[in-house]
Protein backbone atom coordinates (compact mmCIF):
# COMPACT_ATOMS: atom_id res chain seq x y z
CA ARG A 1 64.90 15.38 67.54
CA ALA A 2 61.53 13.61 67.59
CA GLU A 3 63.07 10.71 69.51
CA ALA A 4 64.61 13.08 72.06
CA ILE A 5 61.30 14.88 72.61
CA ALA A 6 59.36 11.62 73.05
CA THR A 7 62.01 10.21 75.39
CA ALA A 8 61.92 13.40 77.45
CA MET A 9 58.14 13.04 77.77
CA THR A 10 58.52 9.53 79.22
CA THR A 11 61.13 10.81 81.68
CA ARG A 12 59.24 13.89 82.78
CA PHE A 13 55.79 12.26 82.84
CA PRO A 14 56.45 8.55 83.48
CA SER A 15 52.83 7.83 84.41
CA GLU A 16 51.43 9.33 81.18
CA VAL A 17 50.76 6.95 78.31
CA HIS A 18 51.19 9.53 75.53
CA GLY A 19 54.98 9.74 75.77
CA TYR A 20 55.44 5.98 75.41
CA PHE A 21 52.99 5.79 72.51
CA ARG A 22 54.76 8.68 70.83
CA LEU A 23 58.17 7.09 71.32
CA GLY A 24 56.92 3.84 69.83
CA TRP A 25 55.51 5.78 66.89
CA VAL A 26 58.80 7.61 66.28
CA TYR A 27 60.70 4.31 66.20
CA MET A 28 58.07 2.66 64.00
CA GLU A 29 58.12 5.51 61.48
CA ALA A 30 61.92 5.19 61.34
CA GLN A 31 61.49 1.44 60.68
CA ARG A 32 63.20 0.69 63.99
CA TYR A 33 60.56 -1.90 64.77
CA ALA A 34 62.48 -3.77 67.47
CA ASP A 35 63.05 -0.50 69.36
CA ALA A 36 59.35 0.39 69.11
CA ILE A 37 58.16 -2.75 70.87
CA ALA A 38 59.18 -1.82 74.45
CA PRO A 39 57.50 1.62 74.56
CA TYR A 40 54.37 0.19 72.94
CA GLU A 41 54.30 -2.60 75.54
CA ILE A 42 54.52 -0.01 78.32
CA ALA A 43 51.77 2.06 76.72
CA LEU A 44 49.57 -1.03 76.41
CA ALA A 45 50.13 -1.94 80.06
CA MET A 46 48.98 1.57 81.00
CA LYS A 47 45.99 1.56 78.63
CA PRO A 48 45.17 -2.08 77.85
CA SER A 49 42.10 -1.41 75.70
CA ASP A 50 43.77 0.99 73.25
CA LEU A 51 43.36 -0.47 69.78
CA SER A 52 45.88 1.86 68.12
CA THR A 53 48.61 0.67 70.48
CA TYR A 54 47.68 -2.97 69.94
CA TYR A 55 47.71 -2.58 66.16
CA ASN A 56 51.02 -0.72 66.05
CA LEU A 57 52.61 -3.21 68.43
CA CYS A 58 51.45 -6.11 66.27
CA LEU A 59 52.75 -4.37 63.18
CA CYS A 60 56.18 -4.04 64.79
CA LEU A 61 56.15 -7.64 66.01
CA ALA A 62 55.29 -8.76 62.47
CA ARG A 63 58.41 -6.95 61.23
CA THR A 64 60.71 -8.52 63.82
CA ASP A 65 59.96 -12.22 63.38
CA ALA A 66 58.26 -12.86 66.72
CA PRO A 67 55.37 -15.12 65.58
CA GLU A 68 54.28 -16.51 68.94
CA LYS A 69 54.18 -13.13 70.66
CA LEU A 70 52.53 -11.59 67.60
CA ALA A 71 49.77 -14.22 67.54
CA ALA A 72 49.11 -13.82 71.27
CA ARG A 73 48.85 -10.02 71.05
CA ALA A 74 46.68 -10.17 67.93
CA LYS A 75 44.27 -12.65 69.51
CA THR A 76 43.87 -10.36 72.53
CA ALA A 77 43.21 -7.37 70.29
CA ILE A 78 40.62 -9.05 68.04
CA PRO A 79 37.63 -8.74 70.44
CA ILE A 80 38.40 -5.04 70.97
CA CYS A 81 38.49 -4.47 67.22
CA GLU A 82 35.37 -6.57 66.62
CA LYS A 83 33.40 -4.27 68.94
CA ARG A 84 34.54 -1.25 66.92
CA VAL A 85 33.57 -2.91 63.64
CA THR A 86 30.14 -3.78 65.07
CA LEU A 87 29.62 -0.18 66.18
CA PHE A 88 30.97 1.32 62.95
CA PRO A 89 30.39 -1.23 60.16
CA GLU A 90 30.94 1.44 57.49
CA ASP A 91 34.48 2.10 58.74
CA VAL A 92 36.54 0.26 56.12
CA MET A 93 39.83 1.10 57.86
CA MET A 94 38.59 -0.63 61.01
CA THR A 95 37.68 -3.69 58.95
CA LEU A 96 41.21 -3.64 57.52
CA CYS A 97 42.57 -3.52 61.07
CA LEU A 98 40.46 -6.55 62.05
CA ALA A 99 41.50 -8.45 58.93
CA ASP A 100 45.19 -7.80 59.67
CA LEU A 101 44.76 -8.89 63.29
CA ASN A 102 43.12 -12.13 62.18
CA HIS A 103 45.97 -12.80 59.77
CA TRP A 104 48.56 -12.12 62.46
CA ALA A 105 46.67 -14.43 64.81
CA GLY A 106 46.91 -17.24 62.25
CA GLN A 107 43.23 -17.02 61.33
CA ASP A 108 43.59 -16.48 57.60
CA GLU A 109 40.11 -17.74 56.69
CA ALA A 110 38.58 -14.89 58.68
CA ALA A 111 40.98 -12.42 57.07
CA VAL A 112 40.11 -13.65 53.58
CA ALA A 113 36.39 -13.30 54.32
CA MET A 114 36.92 -9.61 55.09
CA LEU A 115 38.66 -8.90 51.80
CA SER A 116 35.27 -8.69 50.08
CA THR A 117 34.35 -5.77 52.33
CA LEU A 118 37.71 -4.11 51.72
CA GLU A 119 37.35 -4.42 47.96
CA VAL A 120 34.56 -1.82 47.97
CA ALA A 121 37.00 0.83 49.24
CA THR A 122 37.73 3.75 46.96
CA ASP A 123 40.74 5.34 48.65
CA GLY A 124 44.24 4.36 47.61
CA TRP A 125 45.58 3.81 51.14
CA THR A 126 42.97 1.19 52.06
CA LEU A 127 43.24 -0.52 48.67
CA TYR A 128 47.05 -0.68 48.93
CA ASN A 129 46.90 -2.25 52.39
CA ALA A 130 44.19 -4.66 51.27
CA ALA A 131 46.49 -5.66 48.40
CA ASN A 132 49.27 -6.42 50.86
CA LEU A 133 46.87 -8.46 52.98
CA ALA A 134 45.70 -10.44 49.95
CA GLY A 135 49.29 -11.34 49.16
CA SER A 136 49.93 -12.38 52.75
CA VAL A 137 46.94 -14.75 52.76
CA HIS A 138 48.06 -16.40 49.51
CA GLN A 139 45.73 -14.62 47.09
CA PRO A 140 48.27 -12.93 44.82
CA GLU A 141 45.92 -12.39 41.85
CA ARG A 142 43.46 -10.59 44.08
CA GLY A 143 46.29 -8.60 45.62
CA LEU A 144 47.57 -7.51 42.24
CA ARG A 145 44.10 -6.32 41.19
CA LEU A 146 43.79 -4.33 44.42
CA PHE A 147 47.26 -2.85 43.93
CA LYS A 148 46.36 -1.59 40.46
CA ARG A 149 43.15 -0.10 41.84
CA ALA A 150 45.17 1.62 44.57
CA LEU A 151 47.38 3.23 41.96
CA GLU A 152 44.34 4.28 39.92
CA ALA A 153 42.85 5.80 43.08
CA GLY A 154 45.95 7.96 43.54
CA TYR A 155 48.08 6.02 46.02
CA ARG A 156 51.54 7.58 45.74
CA THR A 157 53.83 6.43 48.55
CA LEU A 158 56.71 5.92 46.17
CA SER A 159 58.97 3.86 48.44
CA LEU A 160 56.22 1.26 48.87
CA ILE A 161 55.00 1.38 45.28
CA ARG A 162 58.56 0.79 44.05
CA THR A 163 59.02 -2.47 45.98
CA PHE A 164 55.50 -3.93 45.98
CA LEU A 165 55.84 -6.11 42.87
CA ASP A 166 59.14 -7.55 44.10
CA ASP A 167 57.53 -9.02 47.21
CA ASP A 168 57.79 -12.81 47.44
CA ASP A 169 54.01 -13.00 47.90
CA PHE A 170 53.66 -12.07 44.22
CA ALA A 171 56.57 -14.09 42.83
CA SER A 172 54.22 -16.54 41.10
CA LEU A 173 52.82 -13.72 38.95
CA ARG A 174 56.08 -12.18 37.72
CA GLY A 175 56.13 -11.90 33.97
CA THR A 176 52.40 -12.48 33.54
CA PRO A 177 50.38 -9.92 31.52
CA GLU A 178 48.69 -8.70 34.72
CA TRP A 179 52.03 -8.24 36.51
CA LEU A 180 53.56 -6.49 33.51
CA GLU A 181 50.57 -4.14 33.33
CA ALA A 182 51.03 -3.25 37.00
CA LYS A 183 54.76 -2.77 36.46
CA ALA A 184 54.07 -0.38 33.59
CA MET A 185 51.79 1.63 35.89
CA VAL A 186 54.52 1.76 38.54
CA ASP A 187 57.17 2.78 36.02
CA ASN A 188 54.95 5.59 34.70
CA ILE A 189 54.29 6.90 38.20
CA LEU A 190 57.98 6.83 39.12
CA ALA A 191 58.96 8.52 35.85
CA GLU A 192 56.33 11.21 36.38
CA SER A 193 57.60 11.84 39.90
CA ALA A 194 61.20 12.04 38.69
CA SER A 195 60.29 14.56 35.97
CA LYS A 196 58.57 16.78 38.52
CA SER A 197 61.65 16.80 40.75
CA ASP A 198 64.01 17.78 37.91
């Protein structure tokens, strides 16, 4: 139904950016990343300075193995994001966005430098995404610490928590005391959730 509504918006109002952004969002939320790319590209052509569209498009490109296109889009988005970070330096989510864009652009040193800022976050969502970023830039120990902090802060997206420790970025830590501690935390959270649903 959400797809039909968003598609109807693009048909009825073809010159309005909102319908294309919404359609891209619907596909992205359904993990149909390849399908999301075209409407996001149209939305970006209509509103080329929109950071949300850039970020979501890059996220979808990262999930569809299009490294050259991803790097090009990320590099174009970085100056837009840098301006936002300069204006709002306390916005940790914007710093996370900039760190991700640098990683996608192949500029991992810049992304790593921003992890220190992200580590001061206190909300589970930011800590979880910082943990993913740390793994992606080959800092698995740091990523595991951030993941445990995310859980302690209340991050509870179960589908992502369940698979985090199986990611290849953290393969070198499997079986270590730190990994086993994180696994015990995950198991407890999943068991608690299951008991509540019974």
